[in-house]
Protein backbone atom coordinates (compact mmCIF):
# COMPACT_ATOMS: atom_id res chain seq x y z
CA MET A 1 149.48 -99.80 42.14
CA MET A 2 148.26 -97.77 45.25
CA ASN A 3 144.62 -98.24 44.02
CA THR A 4 145.29 -101.96 43.86
CA SER A 5 146.51 -101.71 47.44
CA LYS A 6 143.55 -99.93 48.65
CA SER A 7 141.26 -102.12 47.09
CA LYS A 8 142.87 -105.21 48.55
CA THR A 9 142.63 -103.55 52.06
CA ALA A 10 139.04 -102.44 51.65
CA LEU A 11 138.38 -106.22 50.81
CA ILE A 12 140.03 -107.49 53.73
CA ILE A 13 138.31 -104.83 55.80
CA SER A 14 134.94 -105.88 54.43
CA TRP A 15 135.50 -109.35 55.51
CA THR A 16 137.03 -109.09 58.91
CA ALA A 17 135.87 -105.88 60.70
CA TYR A 18 132.84 -107.13 62.09
CA PRO A 19 133.94 -110.43 63.57
CA THR A 20 137.21 -108.91 64.76
CA VAL A 21 135.57 -105.97 66.67
CA ILE A 22 132.81 -108.05 68.03
CA VAL A 23 135.07 -110.72 69.32
CA SER A 24 137.49 -108.27 70.43
CA GLY A 25 134.86 -106.19 72.43
CA LEU A 26 133.69 -109.26 74.13
CA THR A 27 136.98 -110.56 74.94
CA LEU A 28 138.09 -107.22 76.37
CA ASN A 29 135.04 -107.08 78.55
CA SER A 30 135.98 -110.34 80.16
CA PHE A 31 139.49 -109.43 80.58
CA LEU A 32 138.98 -106.04 82.39
CA LEU A 33 136.19 -108.01 84.47
CA ASP A 34 139.05 -110.69 85.45
CA LEU A 35 141.39 -107.77 86.28
CA GLY A 36 138.59 -106.43 88.94
CA TYR A 37 137.55 -103.42 87.03
CA PRO A 38 133.77 -102.11 87.74
CA LEU A 39 131.04 -103.61 85.60
CA GLN A 40 130.53 -100.52 84.01
CA VAL A 41 134.13 -99.54 83.06
CA SER A 42 134.56 -103.13 81.81
CA ALA A 43 131.34 -102.82 79.30
CA TYR A 44 132.06 -99.18 78.07
CA ILE A 45 135.62 -99.45 77.51
CA PRO A 46 135.23 -101.84 74.48
CA ILE A 47 132.16 -100.01 73.46
CA ILE A 48 133.88 -96.53 73.02
CA LEU A 49 137.04 -98.54 71.31
CA GLY A 50 134.25 -100.00 69.03
CA ILE A 51 132.90 -96.50 68.34
CA VAL A 52 136.26 -95.32 67.45
CA ILE A 53 136.96 -98.10 65.10
CA ILE A 54 133.64 -97.78 63.39
CA THR A 55 133.91 -94.06 63.08
CA PHE A 56 137.24 -94.38 61.36
CA LEU A 57 136.08 -97.07 58.93
CA GLU A 58 132.84 -95.33 58.02
CA HIS A 59 135.31 -92.42 56.71
CA LYS A 60 137.91 -94.37 55.31
CA PHE A 61 135.73 -97.23 53.67
CA PRO A 62 132.09 -95.89 53.31
CA TYR A 63 129.49 -97.82 51.62
CA ARG A 64 128.01 -94.84 50.21
CA LYS A 65 130.02 -91.57 50.28
CA GLU A 66 126.51 -89.76 50.19
CA TRP A 67 125.72 -91.19 53.63
CA LEU A 68 128.37 -89.51 55.39
CA PRO A 69 126.66 -87.28 58.08
CA ASN A 70 126.74 -83.48 58.09
CA THR A 71 126.74 -81.38 61.21
CA SER A 72 122.97 -81.18 61.62
CA ASP A 73 122.83 -84.95 61.33
CA VAL A 74 125.36 -85.65 63.87
CA ARG A 75 123.60 -83.03 66.19
CA ASP A 76 120.18 -84.20 66.06
CA ASP A 77 121.25 -88.44 66.08
CA ALA A 78 123.70 -87.56 69.15
CA THR A 79 120.79 -85.86 70.88
CA PHE A 80 118.84 -88.96 70.44
CA MET A 81 121.62 -91.26 71.49
CA VAL A 82 122.19 -89.38 74.47
CA ALA A 83 118.27 -88.69 75.71
CA VAL A 84 116.79 -92.01 74.27
CA GLN A 85 119.62 -94.44 74.53
CA ILE A 86 121.58 -93.40 77.52
CA ILE A 87 119.43 -91.39 80.14
CA LEU A 88 115.85 -92.86 79.22
CA PRO A 89 116.87 -96.55 79.98
CA ARG A 90 118.47 -95.78 83.09
CA VAL A 91 115.29 -93.64 84.43
CA LEU A 92 113.21 -96.61 83.60
CA SER A 93 115.40 -98.96 85.19
CA PHE A 94 115.29 -97.07 88.64
CA PHE A 95 111.64 -96.22 88.54
CA VAL A 96 109.81 -98.93 86.70
CA ALA A 97 112.17 -101.91 87.28
CA ILE A 98 113.01 -101.32 90.89
CA THR A 99 109.30 -100.34 91.69
CA LEU A 100 108.17 -103.88 90.24
CA LEU A 101 110.92 -105.84 91.98
CA LYS A 102 109.75 -104.28 95.29
CA TYR A 103 106.11 -105.35 94.49
CA LEU A 104 106.86 -108.76 93.77
CA LYS A 105 109.11 -109.14 96.78
CA ALA A 106 106.26 -107.82 99.18
CA LYS A 107 104.00 -110.46 97.54
CA GLY A 108 106.49 -113.09 97.99
CA LEU A 109 107.25 -113.63 94.48
CA THR A 110 110.71 -114.71 93.32
CA PRO A 111 110.85 -114.94 89.57
CA ASP A 112 114.70 -115.20 89.76
CA GLU A 113 114.29 -118.97 90.32
CA TYR A 114 112.87 -119.28 86.61
CA TRP A 115 116.51 -118.12 85.12
CA PRO A 116 119.06 -120.84 84.70
CA HIS A 117 121.81 -119.10 86.95
CA TYR A 118 123.74 -122.22 87.01
CA PHE A 119 125.16 -121.79 83.54
CA SER A 120 128.13 -119.75 82.60
CA PRO A 121 127.68 -116.14 82.34
CA LEU A 122 128.47 -116.34 78.46
CA ILE A 123 126.05 -118.93 78.01
CA GLN A 124 123.52 -117.24 79.73
CA ALA A 125 124.05 -114.15 77.80
CA ILE A 126 123.41 -116.13 74.58
CA PHE A 127 120.08 -117.26 76.20
CA MET A 128 119.26 -113.66 76.82
CA VAL A 129 120.13 -112.59 73.22
CA LEU A 130 117.79 -115.40 72.04
CA PHE A 131 115.02 -114.79 74.10
CA ALA A 132 115.19 -110.77 73.90
CA ASP A 133 115.57 -110.94 70.20
CA PHE A 134 112.29 -113.31 70.01
CA LEU A 135 110.43 -110.72 72.08
CA ARG A 136 111.83 -107.86 70.22
CA TYR A 137 111.04 -109.62 66.96
CA TRP A 138 107.24 -109.44 67.61
CA LEU A 139 107.24 -105.88 69.03
CA HIS A 140 109.48 -104.72 65.74
CA ARG A 141 106.97 -106.57 63.53
CA ALA A 142 104.06 -105.13 65.16
CA SER A 143 105.38 -101.55 65.08
CA HIS A 144 105.36 -102.07 61.10
CA GLU A 145 101.97 -103.78 61.15
CA TRP A 146 99.96 -101.89 63.42
CA TYR A 147 99.59 -98.06 62.51
CA PRO A 148 99.55 -96.41 66.14
CA LEU A 149 102.76 -98.34 66.74
CA TRP A 150 104.08 -97.29 63.39
CA CYS A 151 103.54 -93.65 63.93
CA LEU A 152 105.98 -93.91 66.65
CA HIS A 153 108.40 -96.18 64.93
CA ALA A 154 108.58 -93.99 61.84
CA VAL A 155 110.76 -91.52 63.50
CA HIS A 156 113.48 -94.46 63.52
CA HIS A 157 112.94 -94.76 59.69
CA SER A 158 112.81 -91.24 58.73
CA PRO A 159 116.82 -90.88 58.01
CA HIS A 160 117.77 -90.94 54.32
CA LYS A 161 121.00 -92.26 55.34
CA LEU A 162 122.51 -95.05 57.49
CA TYR A 163 125.61 -94.35 59.76
CA TRP A 164 126.31 -95.78 63.36
CA VAL A 165 125.05 -92.85 65.53
CA ASN A 166 121.37 -92.82 64.05
CA VAL A 167 121.03 -96.49 65.40
CA GLY A 168 119.90 -94.51 68.66
CA ARG A 169 117.21 -92.24 66.49
CA PHE A 170 113.96 -93.63 68.48
CA HIS A 171 110.87 -91.77 69.70
CA PRO A 172 111.06 -92.01 73.58
CA ILE A 173 107.80 -93.88 73.79
CA ASP A 174 109.17 -96.57 71.20
CA LYS A 175 112.35 -96.88 73.16
CA ALA A 176 110.24 -97.39 76.65
CA LEU A 177 108.20 -100.44 74.73
CA GLN A 178 111.45 -101.64 73.75
CA PHE A 179 112.67 -101.53 77.30
CA LEU A 180 109.69 -103.48 78.45
CA PHE A 181 110.68 -106.42 76.37
CA ASP A 182 114.26 -106.63 75.96
CA ALA A 183 115.25 -105.39 79.53
CA LEU A 184 112.62 -105.32 82.16
CA PRO A 185 111.92 -109.08 82.00
CA PHE A 186 115.70 -110.05 82.59
CA ILE A 187 116.08 -107.63 85.23
CA ILE A 188 112.96 -109.12 87.09
CA LEU A 189 114.34 -112.60 86.46
CA GLY A 190 117.50 -111.69 88.40
CA VAL A 191 120.04 -111.88 85.48
CA SER A 192 123.41 -111.06 86.84
CA GLU A 193 124.95 -107.60 86.29
CA GLU A 194 128.08 -109.64 84.50
CA VAL A 195 125.50 -111.23 82.15
CA LEU A 196 123.78 -108.09 81.55
CA ALA A 197 127.32 -106.50 80.45
CA ILE A 198 127.99 -109.22 78.18
CA TYR A 199 124.67 -108.48 76.54
CA PHE A 200 125.07 -104.93 76.52
CA VAL A 201 128.79 -105.09 74.73
CA PHE A 202 127.11 -107.22 71.84
CA TYR A 203 124.19 -105.33 71.88
CA ALA A 204 125.84 -101.97 71.58
CA ILE A 205 128.72 -102.91 69.05
CA ASN A 206 126.29 -105.14 66.76
CA GLY A 207 123.84 -102.13 66.61
CA PHE A 208 126.54 -99.76 65.80
CA PHE A 209 127.71 -101.90 62.94
CA GLN A 210 124.02 -102.72 61.94
CA HIS A 211 123.66 -99.03 61.00
CA CYS A 212 127.13 -98.44 59.98
CA ASN A 213 128.10 -96.86 56.50
CA ILE A 214 130.86 -99.19 55.85
CA ASP A 215 131.31 -101.77 53.10
CA LEU A 216 131.04 -104.71 54.78
CA ARG A 217 130.64 -108.57 53.90
CA LEU A 218 129.14 -110.73 56.54
CA GLY A 219 128.68 -114.02 54.48
CA PHE A 220 127.32 -116.70 56.28
CA LEU A 221 126.81 -114.72 59.30
CA ASN A 222 123.72 -113.22 57.37
CA TYR A 223 122.00 -116.26 58.32
CA ILE A 224 122.30 -115.67 62.22
CA ILE A 225 123.25 -111.99 62.67
CA SER A 226 121.08 -108.99 62.01
CA GLY A 227 123.95 -106.97 60.38
CA PRO A 228 124.31 -104.01 57.97
CA GLU A 229 123.98 -105.99 55.10
CA LEU A 230 120.35 -107.04 55.93
CA HIS A 231 119.61 -104.04 57.98
CA ARG A 232 119.80 -101.66 55.23
CA TRP A 233 116.91 -103.47 53.04
CA HIS A 234 114.80 -102.80 56.38
CA HIS A 235 115.18 -99.15 55.98
CA SER A 236 114.54 -99.16 52.32
CA PHE A 237 111.86 -96.63 50.93
CA ILE A 238 110.03 -99.41 49.30
CA ILE A 239 107.56 -100.62 52.26
CA GLU A 240 107.54 -104.37 50.91
CA GLU A 241 111.43 -104.27 51.62
CA ALA A 242 111.19 -102.33 55.04
CA ASN A 243 108.87 -104.75 56.41
CA ARG A 244 111.30 -107.60 56.62
CA ASN A 245 114.63 -108.11 58.57
CA TYR A 246 113.10 -107.35 61.82
CA GLY A 247 115.65 -108.82 63.95
CA ASN A 248 117.51 -106.83 66.52
CA ASN A 249 120.62 -108.75 67.19
CA LEU A 250 119.82 -112.07 65.46
CA ILE A 251 118.12 -112.81 62.04
CA ILE A 252 117.08 -116.50 63.09
CA TRP A 253 113.55 -115.36 63.75
CA ASP A 254 113.32 -113.73 60.39
CA LEU A 255 114.15 -116.90 58.85
CA LEU A 256 111.96 -118.93 60.93
CA PHE A 257 108.90 -116.53 60.34
CA GLY A 258 109.56 -115.89 56.97
CA THR A 259 110.63 -112.37 57.04
CA TRP A 260 114.13 -112.78 56.12
CA PHE A 261 115.10 -110.57 52.99
CA PHE A 262 118.47 -110.31 51.03
CA PRO A 263 118.61 -109.93 47.36
CA THR A 264 121.97 -110.28 46.02
CA ASP A 265 121.11 -109.01 42.34
CA ARG A 266 121.04 -105.17 43.16
CA GLU A 267 121.95 -102.98 45.95
CA ILE A 268 119.48 -100.58 48.16
CA GLU A 269 118.62 -97.37 46.68
CA LYS A 270 116.47 -94.88 48.77
CA LEU A 271 116.02 -94.93 52.65
CA GLY A 272 113.52 -93.26 54.56
CA LEU A 273 109.90 -92.64 54.61
CA LYS A 274 107.23 -91.94 51.73
CA ASN A 275 107.39 -88.25 52.90
CA ARG A 276 110.50 -87.03 51.90
CA GLN A 277 109.82 -83.82 53.95
CA TYR A 278 109.39 -85.61 57.20
CA PRO A 279 110.73 -83.51 59.84
CA LEU A 280 113.98 -84.67 61.00
CA ASP A 281 115.35 -82.40 63.99
CA PHE A 282 115.09 -84.12 67.50
CA ALA A 283 112.39 -81.54 68.90
CA THR A 284 110.10 -81.69 66.08
CA GLN A 285 110.22 -85.72 66.04
CA MET A 286 108.92 -85.76 69.63
CA ARG A 287 105.44 -84.74 68.06
CA THR A 288 105.49 -86.08 64.81
CA PRO A 289 103.92 -89.46 65.80
CA PHE A 290 100.84 -87.52 66.92
CA ILE A 291 100.33 -85.74 63.57
CA LYS A 292 98.09 -88.15 61.51
CA GLY A 293 99.31 -89.25 58.05
CA ILE A 294 102.87 -87.08 58.34
CA ASP A 295 104.71 -90.25 57.34
CA GLN A 296 102.75 -90.41 53.95
CA ASP A 297 102.34 -86.86 52.84
């Protein structure tokens, strides 16, 4: 009786967790903004709550028990998260974006007039997701098809397990390239901080779910969202499977350009690179992209 009850709970969680947390996070962000909270506070509170819920669900309803992280996994992935996902974008925003904006203004250029500011913040955020994902799709695809970029991106594909924290495992140069595609254009176009906050909440929570070790079912959303069921195949050990599902937040560009992949007759097996001894610690992965063929040894 107890097992039956647990299995029913797991089934309900598998279908409802993703949409519930995403919608709740975006709603909470809007509610806090209406109450007058600062933008960063209104964005980070739903993101932190999302992290707490996802962490709990990973341990309660894991997709694979063997993917539950050990201490060294968490240490290295948390280092990547702080250094590459939190600190680096702020440094790039300050030095690159502000410098470029000053240059454009000095030249009398006003690119912000090309952004549809007259739409509501939510509609603008949807435009941003569509546009940013289109740019990131091609960067991501190039990172798999052009070897110099793959050497950088291989860092992200090196883990043998997926759980929410390793969504942040990127080489700093790889992350800087991503910034040029999915952040800098929108800063230059003068997208408001409120729109950026909505985008950031969705980007972060969806990213955590995308890498999560939770047994989830997204149903028809697998034709819209780049979620965990699709993204696991992108991390497959088999290169033909890994070179699919490039979408960052959305999967629609994969559908359009023929790289959508979701076999329903089997489950994902091994994850990671051909070289099973590829170093996984933060310090060593700062130089692995510059060691020729290390991903194949």
